[in-house]
Amino acid sequence: MQSAPRYLTLKSPAHRGTRLDIEGANRVAVSGRVAYLGAFVPDRVSVVDLSNPAEIFQTANLPVCDIDATGMTIVGKALFVSGGECVEAIDVSDLAHPVSISQYRNGDLFPSREVLLEGEPRYDNGHDLVYRGGYLYVSAQNDARFGVLRVNDPRALELTQ
């Protein structure tokens, strides 16, 4: 029996001595030489420089506006993140200092269906999202909803160019 051909090879095992602070990482979005990792514990986004795949390194961590960055999309220099009862626009033009610039919290898209996690209430609702032409298309997992959010913040819109 022939073995299957190997099409993927690990380029950065154990980060070659570089410790990435990415505990709980469960989502990834990549643009150019940068990866954005969403983490559940603690609730944040990590920025990782991929310029040299053999020597990747982390440039920043940023807490997200609610729990768990379950959805992420990068458009230009704007990273849009959904999680919990929030959708957030983050300016990533400075990889060492990402900044949250606008948020959509609660509202009609997220009627706040509570989920218990280890006995604690969590509102893990906002999930995947896609950006197209000034709009974010967002799924709300726990409420079984799909919503369209218009991006009104001029800073966020400028960063998508």
C-alpha atoms as a PDB file:
ATOM      1  CA  MET A   1       0.000   0.000   0.000  1.00  0.00           C
ATOM      2  CA  GLN A   2       1.373   3.380  -0.984  1.00  0.00           C
ATOM      3  CA  SER A   3       1.475   6.164   1.569  1.00  0.00           C
ATOM      4  CA  ALA A   4      -0.369   9.340   0.766  1.00  0.00           C
ATOM      5  CA  PRO A   5       1.778  12.150  -0.671  1.00  0.00           C
ATOM      6  CA  ARG A   6       2.683  14.901   1.797  1.00  0.00           C
ATOM      7  CA  TYR A   7       1.491  18.274   0.592  1.00  0.00           C
ATOM      8  CA  LEU A   8       1.810  20.169   3.872  1.00  0.00           C
ATOM      9  CA  THR A   9       4.926  20.561   5.964  1.00  0.00           C
ATOM     10  CA  LEU A  10       5.273  22.197   9.354  1.00  0.00           C
ATOM     11  CA  LYS A  11       7.470  25.277   8.930  1.00  0.00           C
ATOM     12  CA  SER A  12       7.522  26.567  12.482  1.00  0.00           C
ATOM     13  CA  PRO A  13       7.406  23.705  14.998  1.00  0.00           C
ATOM     14  CA  ALA A  14       7.091  24.941  18.575  1.00  0.00           C
ATOM     15  CA  HIS A  15       7.799  28.415  17.200  1.00  0.00           C
ATOM     16  CA  ARG A  16      11.556  27.677  17.331  1.00  0.00           C
ATOM     17  CA  GLY A  17      11.906  28.993  20.860  1.00  0.00           C
ATOM     18  CA  THR A  18       9.576  31.960  20.392  1.00  0.00           C
ATOM     19  CA  ARG A  19       6.727  31.805  22.895  1.00  0.00           C
ATOM     20  CA  LEU A  20       3.434  32.965  21.437  1.00  0.00           C
ATOM     21  CA  ASP A  21       0.897  34.046  24.031  1.00  0.00           C
ATOM     22  CA  ILE A  22      -2.080  32.517  22.215  1.00  0.00           C
ATOM     23  CA  GLU A  23      -3.776  30.343  24.821  1.00  0.00           C
ATOM     24  CA  GLY A  24      -7.270  29.432  23.685  1.00  0.00           C
ATOM     25  CA  ALA A  25      -6.647  30.360  20.037  1.00  0.00           C
ATOM     26  CA  ASN A  26      -9.499  29.021  17.933  1.00  0.00           C
ATOM     27  CA  ARG A  27      -9.829  31.333  14.903  1.00  0.00           C
ATOM     28  CA  VAL A  28      -7.423  32.733  12.342  1.00  0.00           C
ATOM     29  CA  ALA A  29      -7.544  35.386   9.631  1.00  0.00           C
ATOM     30  CA  VAL A  30      -4.510  36.091   7.455  1.00  0.00           C
ATOM     31  CA  SER A  31      -3.627  39.087   5.329  1.00  0.00           C
ATOM     32  CA  GLY A  32      -0.260  39.350   3.659  1.00  0.00           C
ATOM     33  CA  ARG A  33       2.454  38.710   6.237  1.00  0.00           C
ATOM     34  CA  VAL A  34       0.175  38.922   9.295  1.00  0.00           C
ATOM     35  CA  ALA A  35      -2.059  36.424  11.097  1.00  0.00           C
ATOM     36  CA  TYR A  36      -4.793  37.487  13.502  1.00  0.00           C
ATOM     37  CA  LEU A  37      -5.648  34.803  16.047  1.00  0.00           C
ATOM     38  CA  GLY A  38      -8.928  34.915  17.946  1.00  0.00           C
ATOM     39  CA  ALA A  39      -8.806  33.397  21.419  1.00  0.00           C
ATOM     40  CA  PHE A  40     -11.488  32.213  23.800  1.00  0.00           C
ATOM     41  CA  VAL A  41      -9.420  32.273  26.987  1.00  0.00           C
ATOM     42  CA  PRO A  42      -8.834  35.122  27.523  1.00  0.00           C
ATOM     43  CA  ASP A  43     -11.105  36.901  25.073  1.00  0.00           C
ATOM     44  CA  ARG A  44      -8.735  38.643  22.690  1.00  0.00           C
ATOM     45  CA  VAL A  45      -7.061  38.902  19.297  1.00  0.00           C
ATOM     46  CA  SER A  46      -3.342  38.240  18.906  1.00  0.00           C
ATOM     47  CA  VAL A  47      -1.318  39.705  16.043  1.00  0.00           C
ATOM     48  CA  VAL A  48       1.450  37.470  14.647  1.00  0.00           C
ATOM     49  CA  ASP A  49       4.076  38.518  12.094  1.00  0.00           C
ATOM     50  CA  LEU A  50       4.567  35.794   9.453  1.00  0.00           C
ATOM     51  CA  SER A  51       7.289  37.522   7.415  1.00  0.00           C
ATOM     52  CA  ASN A  52       9.658  34.639   8.077  1.00  0.00           C
ATOM     53  CA  PRO A  53       7.657  31.403   8.527  1.00  0.00           C
ATOM     54  CA  ALA A  54      10.583  29.807  10.372  1.00  0.00           C
ATOM     55  CA  GLU A  55      10.719  32.648  12.907  1.00  0.00           C
ATOM     56  CA  ILE A  56       7.174  33.890  13.483  1.00  0.00           C
ATOM     57  CA  PHE A  57       6.613  36.308  16.350  1.00  0.00           C
ATOM     58  CA  GLN A  58       3.770  37.998  18.127  1.00  0.00           C
ATOM     59  CA  THR A  59       3.489  41.782  17.909  1.00  0.00           C
ATOM     60  CA  ALA A  60       0.416  42.443  20.080  1.00  0.00           C
ATOM     61  CA  ASN A  61      -2.593  41.196  22.030  1.00  0.00           C
ATOM     62  CA  LEU A  62      -5.836  43.173  22.174  1.00  0.00           C
ATOM     63  CA  PRO A  63      -8.895  42.365  24.301  1.00  0.00           C
ATOM     64  CA  VAL A  64     -12.095  42.129  22.260  1.00  0.00           C
ATOM     65  CA  CYS A  65     -15.283  44.010  23.142  1.00  0.00           C
ATOM     66  CA  ASP A  66     -17.058  40.907  24.452  1.00  0.00           C
ATOM     67  CA  ILE A  67     -16.267  37.218  24.678  1.00  0.00           C
ATOM     68  CA  ASP A  68     -14.422  35.011  22.220  1.00  0.00           C
ATOM     69  CA  ALA A  69     -13.388  36.353  18.825  1.00  0.00           C
ATOM     70  CA  THR A  70     -15.441  33.710  16.990  1.00  0.00           C
ATOM     71  CA  GLY A  71     -15.584  35.553  13.692  1.00  0.00           C
ATOM     72  CA  MET A  72     -12.874  37.634  12.044  1.00  0.00           C
ATOM     73  CA  THR A  73     -12.360  39.197   8.666  1.00  0.00           C
ATOM     74  CA  ILE A  74      -9.576  41.520   7.577  1.00  0.00           C
ATOM     75  CA  VAL A  75     -10.198  44.183   4.927  1.00  0.00           C
ATOM     76  CA  GLY A  76      -7.341  46.574   4.203  1.00  0.00           C
ATOM     77  CA  LYS A  77      -6.192  47.802   7.621  1.00  0.00           C
ATOM     78  CA  ALA A  78      -9.515  47.075   9.361  1.00  0.00           C
ATOM     79  CA  LEU A  79     -10.027  43.862  11.312  1.00  0.00           C
ATOM     80  CA  PHE A  80     -13.695  43.144  12.010  1.00  0.00           C
ATOM     81  CA  VAL A  81     -14.351  40.809  14.929  1.00  0.00           C
ATOM     82  CA  SER A  82     -17.592  39.274  16.195  1.00  0.00           C
ATOM     83  CA  GLY A  83     -18.140  37.456  19.450  1.00  0.00           C
ATOM     84  CA  GLY A  84     -20.596  37.448  22.311  1.00  0.00           C
ATOM     85  CA  GLU A  85     -23.019  40.330  21.893  1.00  0.00           C
ATOM     86  CA  CYS A  86     -20.620  42.557  19.964  1.00  0.00           C
ATOM     87  CA  VAL A  87     -19.154  43.278  16.543  1.00  0.00           C
ATOM     88  CA  GLU A  88     -16.032  45.424  16.567  1.00  0.00           C
ATOM     89  CA  ALA A  89     -13.831  47.288  14.082  1.00  0.00           C
ATOM     90  CA  ILE A  90     -10.124  47.311  14.962  1.00  0.00           C
ATOM     91  CA  ASP A  91      -7.503  49.535  13.339  1.00  0.00           C
ATOM     92  CA  VAL A  92      -4.511  47.269  12.614  1.00  0.00           C
ATOM     93  CA  SER A  93      -2.427  49.799  10.677  1.00  0.00           C
ATOM     94  CA  ASP A  94       0.156  49.672  13.502  1.00  0.00           C
ATOM     95  CA  LEU A  95       0.740  45.965  14.154  1.00  0.00           C
ATOM     96  CA  ALA A  96       2.270  46.604  17.569  1.00  0.00           C
ATOM     97  CA  HIS A  97      -0.644  48.781  18.693  1.00  0.00           C
ATOM     98  CA  PRO A  98      -4.026  47.681  17.281  1.00  0.00           C
ATOM     99  CA  VAL A  99      -6.882  49.920  18.427  1.00  0.00           C
ATOM    100  CA  SER A 100     -10.616  49.275  18.743  1.00  0.00           C
ATOM    101  CA  ILE A 101     -12.318  52.130  16.894  1.00  0.00           C
ATOM    102  CA  SER A 102     -16.025  51.248  16.798  1.00  0.00           C
ATOM    103  CA  GLN A 103     -18.479  48.662  18.106  1.00  0.00           C
ATOM    104  CA  TYR A 104     -21.997  47.351  17.674  1.00  0.00           C
ATOM    105  CA  ARG A 105     -23.243  46.022  21.026  1.00  0.00           C
ATOM    106  CA  ASN A 106     -26.365  44.027  21.815  1.00  0.00           C
ATOM    107  CA  GLY A 107     -29.128  45.494  19.628  1.00  0.00           C
ATOM    108  CA  ASP A 108     -31.736  43.627  17.621  1.00  0.00           C
ATOM    109  CA  LEU A 109     -29.219  41.226  16.088  1.00  0.00           C
ATOM    110  CA  PHE A 110     -28.320  39.791  19.500  1.00  0.00           C
ATOM    111  CA  PRO A 111     -31.388  39.245  21.718  1.00  0.00           C
ATOM    112  CA  SER A 112     -29.014  37.806  24.337  1.00  0.00           C
ATOM    113  CA  ARG A 113     -29.747  34.151  24.697  1.00  0.00           C
ATOM    114  CA  GLU A 114     -27.699  33.074  27.702  1.00  0.00           C
ATOM    115  CA  VAL A 115     -25.403  30.058  27.580  1.00  0.00           C
ATOM    116  CA  LEU A 116     -23.911  28.530  30.726  1.00  0.00           C
ATOM    117  CA  LEU A 117     -20.200  27.769  30.533  1.00  0.00           C
ATOM    118  CA  GLU A 118     -18.780  26.054  33.600  1.00  0.00           C
ATOM    119  CA  GLY A 119     -21.760  27.399  35.560  1.00  0.00           C
ATOM    120  CA  GLU A 120     -21.164  31.002  34.449  1.00  0.00           C
ATOM    121  CA  PRO A 121     -23.540  32.819  32.092  1.00  0.00           C
ATOM    122  CA  ARG A 122     -21.990  33.712  28.754  1.00  0.00           C
ATOM    123  CA  TYR A 123     -23.604  35.349  25.787  1.00  0.00           C
ATOM    124  CA  ASP A 124     -21.700  33.638  22.974  1.00  0.00           C
ATOM    125  CA  ASN A 125     -23.773  34.757  20.059  1.00  0.00           C
ATOM    126  CA  GLY A 126     -22.031  36.735  17.301  1.00  0.00           C
ATOM    127  CA  HIS A 127     -20.176  34.269  15.123  1.00  0.00           C
ATOM    128  CA  ASP A 128     -18.975  34.395  11.518  1.00  0.00           C
ATOM    129  CA  LEU A 129     -18.926  37.630   9.579  1.00  0.00           C
ATOM    130  CA  VAL A 130     -18.056  38.838   6.090  1.00  0.00           C
ATOM    131  CA  TYR A 131     -17.455  42.410   4.888  1.00  0.00           C
ATOM    132  CA  ARG A 132     -18.627  43.603   1.481  1.00  0.00           C
ATOM    133  CA  GLY A 133     -18.983  47.189   0.281  1.00  0.00           C
ATOM    134  CA  GLY A 134     -19.582  48.915   3.608  1.00  0.00           C
ATOM    135  CA  TYR A 135     -21.704  46.156   5.144  1.00  0.00           C
ATOM    136  CA  LEU A 136     -20.989  43.336   7.577  1.00  0.00           C
ATOM    137  CA  TYR A 137     -22.975  40.124   7.206  1.00  0.00           C
ATOM    138  CA  VAL A 138     -23.078  38.471  10.634  1.00  0.00           C
ATOM    139  CA  SER A 139     -24.428  35.188  11.961  1.00  0.00           C
ATOM    140  CA  ALA A 140     -25.801  35.090  15.517  1.00  0.00           C
ATOM    141  CA  GLN A 141     -25.271  31.487  16.516  1.00  0.00           C
ATOM    142  CA  ASN A 142     -27.320  31.102  19.702  1.00  0.00           C
ATOM    143  CA  ASP A 143     -30.267  33.132  18.449  1.00  0.00           C
ATOM    144  CA  ALA A 144     -30.237  31.479  15.014  1.00  0.00           C
ATOM    145  CA  ARG A 145     -30.168  34.874  13.305  1.00  0.00           C
ATOM    146  CA  PHE A 146     -28.453  36.462  10.356  1.00  0.00           C
ATOM    147  CA  GLY A 147     -28.016  40.215  10.214  1.00  0.00           C
ATOM    148  CA  VAL A 148     -26.637  42.936   8.027  1.00  0.00           C
ATOM    149  CA  LEU A 149     -24.804  45.776   9.766  1.00  0.00           C
ATOM    150  CA  ARG A 150     -23.891  48.955   7.932  1.00  0.00           C
ATOM    151  CA  VAL A 151     -20.424  50.249   8.780  1.00  0.00           C
ATOM    152  CA  ASN A 152     -21.032  53.930   9.542  1.00  0.00           C
ATOM    153  CA  ASP A 153     -17.743  54.843  11.205  1.00  0.00           C
ATOM    154  CA  PRO A 154     -15.743  56.872   8.648  1.00  0.00           C
ATOM    155  CA  ARG A 155     -12.448  55.725  10.219  1.00  0.00           C
ATOM    156  CA  ALA A 156     -13.370  52.063   9.715  1.00  0.00           C
ATOM    157  CA  LEU A 157     -14.533  52.698   6.158  1.00  0.00           C
ATOM    158  CA  GLU A 158     -11.290  54.525   5.331  1.00  0.00           C
ATOM    159  CA  LEU A 159      -9.233  51.631   6.679  1.00  0.00           C
ATOM    160  CA  THR A 160     -11.004  49.189   4.335  1.00  0.00           C
ATOM    161  CA  GLN A 161      -9.677  51.026   1.263  1.00  0.00           C
END
